[in-house]
Structure formats: C-alpha cells, structure tokens
Protein backbone atom coordinates (compact mmCIF):
# COMPACT_ATOMS: atom_id res chain seq x y z
CA MET A 1 -26.53 4.02 23.11
CA LYS A 2 -24.74 1.72 20.65
CA ALA A 3 -23.12 2.24 17.26
CA LEU A 4 -21.90 -0.27 14.69
CA ILE A 5 -19.07 0.54 12.27
CA VAL A 6 -18.80 -1.81 9.28
CA ASP A 7 -15.50 -1.50 7.46
CA GLY A 8 -16.09 -2.47 3.83
CA TYR A 9 -12.61 -1.13 2.95
CA VAL A 10 -11.60 1.82 0.80
CA ASP A 11 -8.95 2.45 -1.83
CA GLU A 12 -8.46 6.09 -2.85
CA PRO A 13 -5.61 7.96 -4.57
CA ALA A 14 -4.22 8.93 -1.15
CA LEU A 15 -5.75 6.42 1.25
CA LEU A 16 -5.79 2.64 1.54
CA GLY A 17 -7.95 0.64 3.92
CA VAL A 18 -7.88 -2.96 2.68
CA PRO A 19 -6.23 -5.25 5.29
CA PRO A 20 -3.61 -5.16 6.59
CA TYR A 21 -4.10 -1.40 6.12
CA VAL A 22 -6.54 0.37 8.42
CA SER A 23 -7.78 3.65 7.00
CA THR A 24 -8.59 6.79 8.94
CA TYR A 25 -12.36 6.38 8.47
CA PRO A 26 -13.14 3.77 11.18
CA ARG A 27 -10.78 5.36 13.70
CA TYR A 28 -12.16 8.87 13.32
CA ILE A 29 -15.79 7.73 13.26
CA ALA A 30 -15.26 5.53 16.32
CA GLY A 31 -13.68 8.51 18.05
CA VAL A 32 -16.78 10.65 17.48
CA PHE A 33 -19.07 7.96 18.90
CA LEU A 34 -16.82 7.12 21.85
CA HIS A 35 -16.32 10.77 22.73
CA THR A 36 -20.09 11.29 22.84
CA GLY A 37 -20.69 8.33 25.15
CA PHE A 38 -21.59 5.50 22.74
CA GLU A 39 -20.61 1.86 22.94
CA VAL A 40 -18.98 1.01 19.62
CA GLU A 41 -18.82 -2.30 17.77
CA TYR A 42 -16.40 -2.56 14.84
CA LEU A 43 -16.62 -5.31 12.21
CA THR A 44 -14.88 -5.78 8.88
CA ILE A 45 -16.92 -7.07 5.97
CA ASP A 46 -14.78 -10.23 5.93
CA GLN A 47 -15.74 -10.93 9.54
CA ILE A 48 -19.41 -10.54 8.63
CA ARG A 49 -19.04 -12.90 5.66
CA LYS A 50 -17.45 -15.59 7.83
CA ALA A 51 -19.98 -15.34 10.66
CA PRO A 52 -22.83 -17.92 10.87
CA GLN A 53 -25.31 -15.09 10.46
CA TRP A 54 -25.22 -11.37 9.72
CA PRO A 55 -25.22 -9.01 12.70
CA ASP A 56 -28.46 -8.20 14.47
CA LEU A 57 -28.78 -4.53 13.60
CA SER A 58 -31.80 -3.94 15.80
CA LYS A 59 -29.62 -3.61 18.90
CA PHE A 60 -27.78 -0.58 17.47
CA ASP A 61 -28.89 3.03 17.36
CA TYR A 62 -26.54 3.97 14.50
CA MET A 63 -24.66 2.07 11.79
CA VAL A 64 -21.92 3.58 9.61
CA VAL A 65 -20.74 1.60 6.59
CA ILE A 66 -17.35 2.51 5.08
CA ALA A 67 -17.07 1.53 1.42
CA GLY A 68 -15.89 2.33 -2.08
CA LEU A 69 -12.91 2.13 -4.42
CA SER A 70 -11.85 5.01 -6.65
CA VAL A 71 -8.64 3.35 -7.85
CA SER A 72 -8.35 -0.27 -8.91
CA GLY A 73 -6.20 -2.84 -7.17
CA HIS A 74 -5.62 -6.51 -6.39
CA TYR A 75 -5.97 -7.42 -2.73
CA LEU A 76 -4.61 -10.39 -0.81
CA GLY A 77 -5.64 -9.36 2.72
CA GLY A 78 -9.33 -8.77 2.18
CA THR A 79 -12.16 -8.40 -0.35
CA PRO A 80 -13.90 -5.02 -0.57
CA LEU A 81 -17.62 -4.75 0.09
CA THR A 82 -19.84 -5.43 -2.93
CA PHE A 83 -22.85 -3.33 -3.80
CA THR A 84 -25.14 -6.31 -3.16
CA GLU A 85 -23.70 -6.69 0.34
CA LEU A 86 -24.08 -2.98 0.97
CA GLN A 87 -27.75 -3.07 -0.03
CA ARG A 88 -28.32 -6.09 2.19
CA LEU A 89 -26.79 -4.30 5.18
CA ILE A 90 -28.90 -1.22 4.60
CA THR A 91 -32.21 -2.97 3.94
CA SER A 92 -32.02 -5.90 6.38
CA SER A 93 -33.50 -3.89 9.24
CA SER A 94 -35.52 -0.70 9.66
CA SER A 95 -33.20 0.25 12.48
CA PRO A 96 -30.60 1.58 13.24
CA GLN A 97 -30.15 4.97 11.60
CA LYS A 98 -27.76 4.28 8.73
CA PHE A 99 -24.92 6.27 7.25
CA VAL A 100 -22.57 5.42 4.36
CA VAL A 101 -19.18 7.08 3.89
CA GLY A 102 -16.28 6.75 1.43
CA PRO A 103 -15.82 6.81 -2.36
CA ILE A 104 -19.08 4.88 -2.70
CA GLY A 105 -20.69 8.32 -2.57
CA LEU A 106 -19.16 9.10 -6.00
CA GLY A 107 -20.38 5.88 -7.59
CA TYR A 108 -19.81 2.13 -7.43
CA THR A 109 -17.34 -0.04 -9.28
CA LEU A 110 -14.81 -2.67 -8.19
CA LYS A 111 -12.97 -3.05 -11.48
CA GLY A 112 -10.58 -0.90 -13.49
CA GLY A 113 -11.58 -0.09 -17.05
CA THR A 114 -15.19 0.52 -16.07
CA THR A 115 -17.42 3.52 -15.45
CA ALA A 116 -18.78 3.83 -11.93
CA LEU A 117 -22.53 3.47 -11.53
CA SER A 118 -24.58 5.81 -9.41
CA ALA A 119 -25.16 4.21 -6.01
CA GLN A 120 -28.77 4.83 -5.06
CA LEU A 121 -28.83 4.02 -1.37
CA GLU A 122 -31.50 3.95 1.30
CA ALA A 123 -29.07 5.54 3.72
CA GLU A 124 -27.62 8.94 4.41
CA VAL A 125 -24.30 9.52 2.60
CA LEU A 126 -21.81 11.35 4.80
CA PRO A 127 -19.49 13.91 3.17
CA SER A 128 -16.00 12.36 3.35
CA ARG A 129 -14.40 15.63 4.36
CA ASN A 130 -16.96 16.65 6.95
CA LEU A 131 -16.66 14.65 10.18
CA ARG A 132 -18.47 17.58 11.82
CA TYR A 133 -21.56 16.52 9.90
CA LEU A 134 -21.63 13.20 11.76
CA TRP A 135 -21.01 14.99 15.05
CA ASN A 136 -23.94 17.30 14.39
CA ARG A 137 -26.26 14.44 13.40
CA ILE A 138 -25.66 12.33 16.50
CA THR A 139 -25.32 15.12 19.09
CA GLY A 140 -27.89 17.53 17.71
CA ARG A 141 -25.50 20.44 18.09
CA PRO A 142 -22.80 21.95 15.86
CA PHE A 143 -19.13 21.40 16.59
CA GLU A 144 -17.57 24.77 17.32
CA GLY A 145 -14.29 24.35 15.51
CA SER A 146 -12.63 23.24 12.29
CA GLU A 147 -12.62 19.76 10.80
CA TYR A 148 -9.03 19.17 11.89
CA GLN A 149 -9.78 20.41 15.40
CA LEU A 150 -12.48 17.76 15.63
CA ILE A 151 -10.19 15.09 14.19
CA ASP A 152 -7.44 15.98 16.67
CA LEU A 153 -10.01 15.71 19.47
CA VAL A 154 -11.47 12.32 18.56
CA ALA A 155 -8.69 10.45 16.67
CA PRO A 156 -6.70 9.50 19.82
CA ILE A 157 -9.90 8.16 21.39
CA GLY A 158 -10.79 6.24 18.23
CA ALA A 159 -7.40 4.52 18.28
CA GLU A 160 -8.94 1.97 20.66
CA ILE A 161 -11.06 0.54 17.85
CA VAL A 162 -8.10 -1.05 16.04
CA LYS A 163 -7.89 -3.68 18.78
CA LYS A 164 -11.15 -5.08 17.38
CA HIS A 165 -9.62 -5.55 13.91
CA PRO A 166 -9.34 -9.30 13.14
CA ARG A 167 -5.70 -8.93 12.13
CA PHE A 168 -4.62 -6.87 15.12
CA PRO A 169 -1.77 -6.31 15.96
CA ASN A 170 -0.58 -7.24 12.46
CA ILE A 171 -1.97 -4.07 10.89
CA ILE A 172 -0.56 -0.87 9.42
CA CYS A 173 -2.36 2.39 10.16
CA GLU A 174 -2.56 5.25 7.69
CA LEU A 175 -1.59 8.56 9.30
CA GLU A 176 -3.21 11.61 7.74
CA LEU A 177 -0.95 14.50 6.71
CA SER A 178 -3.26 16.41 4.37
CA ARG A 179 -6.42 16.41 2.29
CA GLY A 180 -6.89 17.37 -1.32
CA CYS A 181 -4.17 18.19 -3.86
CA GLU A 182 -1.72 21.08 -3.59
CA ARG A 183 -1.88 21.88 -7.31
CA ARG A 184 -3.08 25.35 -8.24
CA ASP A 185 -3.33 24.82 -12.00
CA GLY A 186 -6.21 22.35 -12.02
CA PHE A 187 -6.25 18.61 -11.38
CA CYS A 188 -5.68 15.37 -13.27
CA SER A 189 -8.74 14.53 -15.39
CA PHE A 190 -9.34 11.14 -13.75
CA CYS A 191 -8.49 11.85 -10.11
CA THR A 192 -11.08 11.75 -7.32
CA GLU A 193 -8.84 13.19 -4.60
CA PRO A 194 -9.90 16.86 -5.04
CA ILE A 195 -13.51 15.79 -5.59
CA ILE A 196 -13.74 13.79 -2.36
CA TRP A 197 -11.61 16.04 -0.17
CA GLY A 198 -11.82 19.50 -1.73
CA ARG A 199 -9.19 22.20 -1.28
CA PHE A 200 -5.71 21.33 -0.09
CA GLU A 201 -5.25 21.51 3.67
CA CYS A 202 -2.51 20.19 5.95
CA ARG A 203 -3.14 18.65 9.34
CA PRO A 204 -1.40 20.26 12.33
CA LEU A 205 1.65 18.36 13.46
CA LYS A 206 0.63 18.11 17.12
CA GLY A 207 -2.56 16.25 16.21
CA ILE A 208 -0.66 13.69 14.11
CA ILE A 209 1.79 13.03 16.92
CA LYS A 210 -0.95 12.71 19.55
CA GLU A 211 -2.87 10.21 17.42
CA ALA A 212 0.27 8.17 16.65
CA GLU A 213 1.08 8.05 20.36
CA ALA A 214 -2.41 6.75 21.10
CA LEU A 215 -2.15 4.10 18.38
CA SER A 216 1.29 3.07 19.61
CA LYS A 217 -0.03 2.79 23.16
CA VAL A 218 -2.74 0.31 22.12
CA GLY A 219 -0.18 -1.83 20.27
CA VAL A 220 0.14 -0.52 16.70
CA LYS A 221 3.70 -1.01 15.43
CA ALA A 222 3.38 -0.02 11.76
CA PHE A 223 2.56 3.39 10.32
CA ARG A 224 2.36 4.88 6.86
CA PHE A 225 2.01 8.52 5.84
CA GLY A 226 -0.58 7.40 3.32
CA ARG A 227 -3.26 10.07 3.70
CA ALA A 228 -1.40 12.64 1.53
CA ALA A 229 -1.47 13.34 -2.20
CA ASN A 230 2.13 14.62 -2.09
CA ILE A 231 4.19 14.06 1.04
CA PHE A 232 6.67 16.85 0.21
CA ALA A 233 3.87 19.43 0.26
CA TYR A 234 3.18 18.76 3.93
CA HIS A 235 3.02 22.06 5.80
CA GLU A 236 4.08 24.00 2.70
CA ARG A 237 4.10 27.77 3.02
CA GLU A 238 3.21 29.98 0.05
CA GLY A 239 3.68 27.01 -2.26
CA LYS A 240 7.12 26.10 -0.91
CA PRO A 241 7.99 22.97 1.11
CA ASP A 242 8.85 23.23 4.80
CA PRO A 243 11.83 20.92 5.54
CA GLU A 244 11.86 21.80 9.25
CA ALA A 245 8.25 20.72 9.83
CA PHE A 246 8.98 17.63 7.71
CA GLU A 247 11.98 16.74 9.88
CA GLU A 248 9.97 17.18 13.07
CA LEU A 249 7.17 14.97 11.70
CA PHE A 250 9.49 12.05 10.97
CA ARG A 251 11.57 12.52 14.10
CA GLU A 252 8.53 12.49 16.40
CA ILE A 253 6.91 9.41 14.84
CA ALA A 254 10.26 7.56 14.75
CA ARG A 255 10.60 8.35 18.47
CA LEU A 256 7.76 5.85 19.04
CA GLN A 257 10.08 3.15 17.64
CA PRO A 258 7.62 1.59 15.20
CA GLU A 259 8.62 -1.60 13.43
CA VAL A 260 7.50 0.01 10.17
CA LEU A 261 7.52 3.68 9.16
CA HIS A 262 6.74 4.19 5.47
CA CYS A 263 5.46 6.79 3.00
CA ASP A 264 3.27 6.76 -0.10
CA ASN A 265 2.62 9.53 -2.65
CA ALA A 266 5.02 12.10 -4.07
CA ASN A 267 4.72 14.49 -7.02
CA PRO A 268 7.75 14.32 -9.38
CA ALA A 269 7.05 17.78 -10.83
CA TYR A 270 6.93 19.31 -7.34
CA MET A 271 10.16 17.53 -6.45
CA CYS A 272 11.98 19.03 -9.43
CA GLN A 273 10.55 22.50 -8.86
CA HIS A 274 11.98 22.47 -5.32
CA ARG A 275 14.94 20.19 -5.97
CA LYS A 276 17.45 21.37 -3.33
CA VAL A 277 14.90 21.40 -0.51
CA VAL A 278 13.38 18.06 -1.54
CA GLU A 279 16.84 16.45 -1.58
CA ARG A 280 17.14 17.45 2.10
CA MET A 281 13.69 16.01 2.75
CA LEU A 282 14.65 12.74 1.06
CA GLU A 283 17.60 12.52 3.43
CA THR A 284 15.16 13.03 6.31
CA ILE A 285 12.99 10.14 5.15
CA VAL A 286 15.96 7.78 4.80
CA ARG A 287 17.26 8.82 8.22
CA TYR A 288 14.06 7.82 10.00
CA ASN A 289 12.15 5.30 7.85
CA THR A 290 12.44 1.52 7.78
CA PRO A 291 13.73 -0.50 4.77
CA GLY A 292 11.53 -1.31 1.78
CA ASP A 293 9.82 2.08 1.67
CA VAL A 294 8.23 3.41 -1.53
CA LEU A 295 7.45 6.87 -2.90
CA SER A 296 4.57 6.40 -5.32
CA PHE A 297 4.77 8.51 -8.48
CA GLY A 298 1.50 9.06 -10.32
CA VAL A 299 3.17 8.98 -13.73
CA GLU A 300 0.06 7.51 -15.40
CA SER A 301 1.55 7.96 -18.89
CA PHE A 302 4.91 8.81 -20.46
CA ASP A 303 3.13 10.03 -23.58
CA GLU A 304 3.41 13.84 -23.42
CA ARG A 305 0.27 14.29 -25.51
CA VAL A 306 -1.81 12.11 -23.19
CA ARG A 307 -0.33 13.87 -20.18
CA HIS A 308 -1.35 17.24 -21.60
CA LEU A 309 -4.90 16.09 -22.40
CA SER A 310 -5.20 14.59 -18.91
CA ASN A 311 -3.79 17.72 -17.23
CA ILE A 312 -1.08 15.66 -15.48
CA GLN A 313 1.47 18.01 -13.96
CA GLY A 314 5.05 18.09 -15.22
CA GLY A 315 6.94 16.52 -18.08
CA VAL A 316 8.54 13.14 -18.63
CA GLU A 317 12.07 14.46 -18.10
CA GLU A 318 11.02 15.68 -14.66
CA ILE A 319 9.82 12.18 -13.81
CA PHE A 320 13.18 10.77 -14.85
CA GLU A 321 15.00 13.35 -12.73
CA ALA A 322 12.80 12.62 -9.70
CA ILE A 323 13.55 8.90 -10.05
CA LYS A 324 17.27 9.71 -10.04
CA MET A 325 16.84 11.94 -6.97
CA VAL A 326 15.23 9.14 -4.95
CA ASN A 327 17.78 6.58 -6.11
CA ALA A 328 20.69 8.85 -5.18
CA VAL A 329 19.56 9.02 -1.55
CA GLY A 330 17.32 6.02 -0.98
CA SER A 331 19.16 3.11 -2.60
CA VAL A 332 21.31 2.55 0.50
CA ARG A 333 20.61 -1.02 1.66
CA VAL A 334 19.86 -2.67 4.98
CA GLU A 335 20.41 -6.45 4.85
CA GLY A 336 20.29 -6.19 1.06
CA VAL A 337 17.01 -4.21 0.90
CA PRO A 338 16.97 -0.55 -0.28
CA LYS A 339 15.58 1.93 2.25
CA LEU A 340 13.58 4.04 -0.20
CA LEU A 341 12.78 3.67 -3.89
CA PRO A 342 10.28 5.21 -6.29
CA GLY A 343 7.24 3.28 -7.49
CA ILE A 344 5.47 4.09 -10.74
CA ASN A 345 1.76 4.03 -11.55
CA ILE A 346 0.70 3.59 -15.20
CA LEU A 347 -2.95 4.03 -16.19
CA GLY A 348 -4.66 2.54 -19.22
CA GLY A 349 -7.78 4.10 -20.67
CA LEU A 350 -6.84 7.80 -20.55
CA TYR A 351 -8.23 10.19 -23.13
CA GLY A 352 -6.14 10.47 -26.29
CA GLU A 353 -4.06 7.32 -25.85
CA ASP A 354 -3.35 5.00 -28.77
CA GLU A 355 -1.09 2.05 -29.50
CA ASN A 356 1.92 4.36 -29.71
CA THR A 357 1.26 5.48 -26.12
CA TYR A 358 2.12 2.02 -24.83
CA GLU A 359 5.27 1.87 -26.93
CA ILE A 360 6.34 5.22 -25.42
CA ASN A 361 5.58 3.89 -21.93
CA TYR A 362 7.69 0.80 -22.59
CA ARG A 363 10.64 2.79 -23.96
CA TRP A 364 10.80 5.00 -20.89
CA LEU A 365 10.60 2.04 -18.52
CA ARG A 366 13.37 0.41 -20.52
CA LYS A 367 15.46 3.58 -20.24
CA ILE A 368 15.05 3.53 -16.45
CA LEU A 369 16.12 -0.12 -16.25
CA ASP A 370 19.04 0.23 -18.67
CA GLY A 371 20.17 3.40 -16.88
CA GLY A 372 20.83 1.40 -13.71
CA LEU A 373 18.00 3.05 -11.79
CA LEU A 374 15.79 1.10 -9.41
CA LEU A 375 12.01 1.04 -9.18
CA ARG A 376 10.41 -0.76 -6.27
CA ARG A 377 7.31 -1.58 -8.31
CA ILE A 378 5.37 -0.69 -11.46
CA ASN A 379 1.59 -0.66 -11.02
CA ILE A 380 -0.22 -1.02 -14.35
CA ARG A 381 -3.95 -0.47 -13.97
CA GLN A 382 -7.01 0.51 -15.94
CA VAL A 383 -8.64 3.76 -14.99
CA MET A 384 -11.92 3.84 -13.08
CA VAL A 385 -14.11 6.53 -14.59
CA PHE A 386 -16.33 8.52 -12.23
CA PRO A 387 -19.14 10.78 -13.47
CA SER A 388 -17.83 13.70 -11.38
CA THR A 389 -14.44 13.77 -13.18
CA SER A 390 -13.52 15.66 -16.34
CA LEU A 391 -12.36 12.35 -17.87
CA TYR A 392 -15.98 11.18 -17.83
CA ARG A 393 -17.05 14.21 -19.83
CA MET A 394 -14.10 13.85 -22.23
CA LEU A 395 -14.77 10.20 -22.97
CA GLY A 396 -18.54 10.50 -23.24
CA ARG A 397 -20.23 7.13 -23.66
CA LYS A 398 -17.34 5.58 -25.57
CA ARG A 399 -14.42 3.82 -23.94
CA ARG A 400 -11.21 4.19 -25.89
CA LEU A 401 -9.11 1.52 -24.18
CA ASN A 402 -7.74 -1.12 -26.53
CA HIS A 403 -7.74 -4.12 -24.23
CA SER A 404 -5.49 -6.32 -26.40
CA VAL A 405 -2.85 -3.57 -26.67
CA PHE A 406 -3.06 -2.94 -22.91
CA LYS A 407 -2.69 -6.64 -22.13
CA ARG A 408 0.33 -7.08 -24.43
CA PHE A 409 2.00 -4.03 -22.89
CA LYS A 410 1.43 -5.30 -19.37
CA GLU A 411 2.79 -8.77 -20.16
CA ARG A 412 5.83 -7.26 -21.86
CA VAL A 413 6.62 -5.06 -18.88
CA ARG A 414 6.23 -7.95 -16.46
CA SER A 415 8.67 -10.19 -18.35
CA GLU A 416 11.18 -7.66 -19.73
CA ILE A 417 11.20 -4.93 -17.07
CA ASP A 418 9.76 -6.22 -13.81
CA LEU A 419 11.69 -9.48 -13.60
CA PRO A 420 15.20 -8.02 -14.06
CA MET A 421 14.25 -5.08 -11.83
CA MET A 422 13.07 -7.42 -9.09
CA LYS A 423 16.44 -9.19 -9.15
CA LYS A 424 18.19 -5.86 -8.68
CA VAL A 425 15.94 -4.59 -5.90
CA PHE A 426 15.87 -7.86 -3.92
CA PRO A 427 19.12 -9.64 -4.79
CA PHE A 428 19.78 -13.25 -3.90
CA GLY A 429 20.57 -13.48 -0.20
CA ALA A 430 18.71 -10.33 0.85
CA THR A 431 16.85 -10.65 4.14
CA LEU A 432 13.17 -9.73 4.39
CA ARG A 433 12.08 -9.46 8.01
CA GLY A 434 8.59 -9.65 9.46
CA ILE A 435 6.78 -11.62 6.75
CA TYR A 436 3.20 -12.31 7.82
CA LEU A 437 2.04 -15.59 6.25
CA GLU A 438 -1.44 -15.27 4.80
CA LYS A 439 -2.47 -18.16 2.55
CA SER A 440 -1.23 -21.50 1.19
CA GLU A 441 -1.46 -22.77 -2.36
CA GLY A 442 0.07 -26.13 -3.17
CA LYS A 443 3.56 -26.32 -1.68
CA LEU A 444 3.92 -22.57 -1.18
CA THR A 445 2.69 -20.34 1.61
CA TYR A 446 2.38 -16.67 0.66
CA GLY A 447 3.00 -13.72 2.89
CA ARG A 448 3.98 -10.08 2.95
CA GLN A 449 5.62 -7.55 5.20
CA LEU A 450 3.66 -4.65 6.65
CA GLY A 451 4.52 -1.58 4.61
CA SER A 452 4.03 0.34 1.39
CA TYR A 453 3.33 -2.06 -1.47
CA PRO A 454 5.17 -4.98 0.16
CA VAL A 455 6.52 -7.62 -2.19
CA LEU A 456 4.68 -10.94 -2.23
CA VAL A 457 6.84 -13.72 -0.78
CA GLY A 458 6.33 -17.41 -1.51
CA VAL A 459 7.75 -19.67 1.19
CA PRO A 460 8.12 -23.36 0.23
CA SER A 461 7.29 -26.21 2.61
CA TRP A 462 5.91 -24.00 5.35
CA LYS A 463 2.31 -24.63 6.28
CA GLU A 464 2.01 -22.60 9.49
CA ARG A 465 -0.12 -19.49 9.00
CA ASP A 466 -2.70 -17.63 11.11
CA GLY A 467 -0.53 -14.62 11.86
CA LYS A 468 2.77 -16.48 11.86
CA LYS A 469 5.59 -13.98 11.38
CA VAL A 470 8.89 -15.12 9.86
CA ASP A 471 12.13 -13.74 8.43
CA VAL A 472 13.23 -15.06 5.05
CA VAL A 473 16.23 -15.04 2.72
CA VAL A 474 15.49 -14.29 -0.94
CA VAL A 475 16.41 -17.21 -3.22
CA ASP A 476 14.49 -16.66 -6.46
CA HIS A 477 12.40 -14.09 -8.31
CA GLY A 478 9.23 -13.65 -10.30
CA PRO A 479 8.04 -10.47 -12.01
CA ARG A 480 5.97 -9.43 -8.98
CA SER A 481 7.16 -11.72 -6.22
CA VAL A 482 10.14 -13.47 -4.66
CA THR A 483 10.73 -16.88 -3.16
CA GLY A 484 12.14 -16.91 0.35
CA ILE A 485 13.59 -19.58 2.65
CA ILE A 486 13.06 -19.22 6.39
CA LYS A 487 16.17 -17.55 7.77
CA ASP A 488 18.67 -19.63 9.74
CA ARG A 489 17.37 -22.97 8.45
CA ASN A 490 19.94 -25.72 8.88
CA LEU A 491 21.02 -27.36 5.62
CA ASN A 492 20.85 -30.78 7.26
CA GLY A 493 17.11 -30.29 7.89
CA ALA A 494 16.15 -28.48 4.68
CA GLU A 495 13.20 -29.87 2.75
CA TYR A 496 13.51 -30.94 -0.87
CA GLU A 497 11.10 -28.14 -1.94
CA GLU A 498 13.29 -25.57 -0.19
CA LEU A 499 16.42 -26.77 -2.00
CA VAL A 500 14.90 -26.82 -5.49
CA ALA A 501 13.42 -23.37 -4.90
CA ILE A 502 16.93 -21.93 -4.83
CA GLU A 503 17.96 -20.57 -8.21
CA GLY A 504 20.58 -22.83 -9.80
CA ILE A 505 20.24 -25.85 -7.50
CA GLY A 506 18.09 -28.12 -9.68
CA LYS A 507 16.34 -31.38 -8.86
CA LYS A 508 19.31 -33.74 -9.22
CA ARG A 509 21.66 -31.62 -7.12
CA ALA A 510 18.96 -31.25 -4.44
CA GLU A 511 18.58 -35.04 -4.32
CA ARG A 512 22.34 -35.51 -3.98
CA ILE A 513 22.42 -33.05 -1.08
CA ILE A 514 19.61 -34.87 0.73
CA PHE A 515 21.12 -38.36 0.19
CA SER A 516 24.55 -37.16 1.36
CA ARG A 517 23.38 -35.68 4.65
CA PRO A 518 24.23 -35.06 7.41
CA PHE A 519 27.10 -32.71 6.61
CA ARG A 520 29.64 -31.79 9.26
CA SER A 521 31.36 -29.04 7.31
CA TRP A 522 31.01 -26.89 4.21
CA ARG A 523 33.96 -28.81 2.72
CA GLU A 524 31.78 -31.90 2.63
CA VAL A 525 29.00 -29.89 0.97
CA GLU A 526 31.44 -28.56 -1.64
CA LYS A 527 32.39 -32.10 -2.69
CA VAL A 528 28.72 -32.97 -3.27
CA VAL A 529 27.58 -29.84 -5.14
CA ASN A 530 30.87 -29.52 -7.09
CA ASP A 531 30.11 -25.88 -7.94
CA VAL A 532 31.56 -22.80 -6.22
CA VAL A 533 28.60 -20.56 -7.14
CA VAL A 534 26.05 -23.05 -5.79
CA LEU A 535 28.11 -23.51 -2.62
CA GLU A 536 28.15 -19.75 -1.98
CA ARG A 537 24.40 -19.58 -2.49
CA LEU A 538 23.85 -22.36 0.02
CA LYS A 539 26.05 -20.54 2.52
CA LYS A 540 23.97 -17.38 2.13
CA VAL A 541 20.75 -19.24 2.80
CA PHE A 542 21.45 -22.00 5.31
CA THR A 543 23.37 -22.56 8.51
CA LEU A 544 25.28 -25.78 9.14
CA GLU A 545 26.05 -27.64 12.35
CA GLY A 546 29.78 -27.72 12.92
CA GLU A 547 30.46 -24.92 10.44
CA GLU A 548 32.68 -23.22 12.99
CA CYS A 549 35.30 -25.86 12.20
CA CYS A 550 35.24 -25.09 8.47
CA SER A 551 38.04 -23.17 6.88
C-alpha cells in the first residue's frame, strides 16, 4: 500500500509551513501511514512544479494534500499551492482516494485584503484537529485514545519524512505545544485559530520531547515552538501559567543542542495579568534559546475603539508594558544580536477603523522607538476575511479598508520607524551566523537564517547558492533587511561591491583602497582612508594579513 503526501504549505495564526519551515501536518500524517504499514512518498508543491511531469497518481492508494493560508504573508522559500493546482491534483486521476487538509477547508485566498472563497473540492476534507479521523478512514477501525495520544504515537515515526524535504537538512520544524486559544472571554473577530482547532488544549510534555528527539536523530537542527497561540499559556493550570513545566520544556529541547531554538506567539494581556511569573518564564527562554528570537504580539491595532469592536484582548498600555518586559530580559546580545525581542503584527481592514486609526498606530510605534525600546520586526498586513469568522458578519459585503491610507501608513512606518529600529537591533559589525543563501538578483545574493522571522540579508559579490551556509558581518541597513559581508574576508581580497556596500565608504574611497593594495598593516590603510571612523568600520568587517604587527 502506498500513500502520497503533497505539501502545498500552510500559514495559520499559530503555524507556519512555507519553506524553510516544515509544519506539523506532513509529519503527523506520514506517521499515521507509516505506523499502519504504508510506503509514503512526500513531495512539496515546488518540487512538483519543477518536475518534467506531474506525479503519476495511479500508483498510490491514498493522496493527502496540505494547503491553505489564513493569514497573509510574503514568502521567499516557497510559493503556496494555488487553487488551480489543487484542482488539477484532485481531478487528474480517478485514483487514489484523496484527502485535503489545512485552512483550505475554511475557504481559499492567497492575498490579504480579500474575502476567502468557498473551496468546492472533489476530495474529502479532513478536520484539522482530528488526526483520528484519518486513522479511522485508512484502518477501518477507531483509534482508542485521545487526539494527542495518537499524535504522540505517530509523530516520532513521521519524523522520517523530513529527510525527503528538498531543503533538508536546512529546515526548521514547528513543535506543537497547544491547539486553540486560551481566552475564555471570546476570540478576536478575524482569527481562525479557534475555528480550525477548537477548544484550548495543551500537548503533554513527554510527547513533545519524544518527537523532538526523533527529529534530532534524523538530522533536524532547528526548532520553533510555533504551534501555540500563546507560549506562556503552555500547561497552564486553572488559568495560571506553569513556570516549572515551561522550564522543563526548554531545558529538555535545549539538551538536544539544536543550532536554533526559537519561539513565536505571546499574548501581551496575559503577560501583564501574570507579570511576575511571566518575567521568570522570559528568563527561562533567554537562558535556553538561541540569538535572534522573536515573541510575536498580535497587536493588530493600537486604536482602542477598533480593539474593542474586534474583541482583541487587553489594552494598549498592556502592550507597551509587555514590550518593556521582553526588552528588560531579552535585549542581552550575543555577537551584537539580541537574544529575544518582541515583534508586532498590525492588521489593516478591521471593522471600525478609519484614517485616525493609522495615525494612532503610527504614534504608538513612534513612542516605542523614541522610548529606546527594541522591536525585532513590525508586520503590517491586510486581513484575510473568512466566512466562518465574526468579522465576515460584521463587514457584510462591504470592505472598509482605505487602500491609499493603508499604503501611506505602511510606507511611513518603513522609512521612519523600521529603518532606525533595524540599525538599533542589528548594529554595524554585528555577526549573523548560519545564513542560508537562497537567490541572486543583480550583484546581491539574498539569504536568511533559520529561525523566527529571520532578517533578509543581502550579500554582495557572492554567487554561490544551493544551500551554501555563511556567516556575515552587518555593514548597512534597509527598512526590512541588512547588507552583510562574509565574515573573516581579507581586505586585500575584498571586491569593489563589498567595499561600497559598507556604510560611509563611498565609491572614490573604495577605488583608492583597491588601487593601494596590498596592505601590510592597518597603519597603511589609515593613510589611504584618512578617516578614523571609516578605519574602525573596516577593522570590524575585514581581516588583514600582517595585522599582528600593527600597533
């Protein structure tokens, strides 16, 4: 018996599966098939697109397609499955038996600012929460246990499937902590998390550890606690966080010595409600995580009226306090990079917003910047509206988003907030390790680290790609990216493009440096550049033969 898993990628409020991320879906589903004696083939949609012809489905007994976005994003590592491609997969052969799973079951859209369309499919749609349903369908018998008992049984077996991922081992696996949202006072009007996953439930710690051990054994070196709506609610008891279970979780995963251990979502209101305990938990994260980590705050809007109409938990002052809490503990740096910072999500298109909403959003972001606080990133997106959400009913057929106002706000934030913030978060001379180079455009090759919302890095005069991993030194900044020079490059061999990429060097000074080479000491370099600041920048970026003789 054979099964085919097609990974069309997912992006949900608490789960990401676009490369280099690998979501829980393919691993769990593969585990069910492998445990029941199937041979399993795993393909990403990008692999299928690049192949000379689409897979011959007739040789499989079952096919499961993973697909759907319920939050909007921009992706460098892969392109999510389109509805046309999904229909082609489903209709190209009468066999195998076909299942579809993921947010596609709620509706189809790939773009923010749109309303999802109903996806009428000639395939059986699996409930996202119910892996037992798949078990029952392929075995013909019910699984005698809970959903998490089944996951803990099959997830370690399904870990094997990641070796078939085209980017393996350069992947980051989402580790599931919980499902649903811990809120007891209703949910945000636009959010699909409680709709897809239902009531809040935490996964037992032993199962997480066993799965992580299996993934580590097959060669996975990067993990993210991404399958959680609020990481601080993990294993909560009677609505209160459990710092001991939290400590054990991080300690046990860190014991595997991953190259990357990162987090994702946190609830600012929850953090303020349990401030003393959460401060201890923040210390736990910083003790065990790796640099560049992000706690994503679903702020969505700083306009209190819009927040109330959208049923977003907590007030704006609580958000500000939560940002200060993370900065107080997480801004400690390793090679110039903070260990843990907050990230903010802003949504356009919420019910009740107007032009003043965006002015309020800007003023609060300005207050954060001027207050000396750090944000790792600000995501500004347009809401995806799904028929099953209360936002859909509130908006009716009319969309209220003023696109010109939204665009001006976004451009203003990028130039006036993001750029100065980027310079603070990744200062000149900071070292970014483990950059995987992904694509070249002109004289720049772009890459990213594995991790939570890794910064885009442009590397000049470096054409090697195809999984090439490099360390870089930050030399310049854009609103959403940095420029990096390969670490330990010798000044005597530096390319012209590398020199001019360094902030403050300039074309003429770069030419003088090249024409004056080779240098035997930094004293000789100083005479050519004739600028103490420029000299210090060069020393931070490059090595120099014979520098041991320099005073």
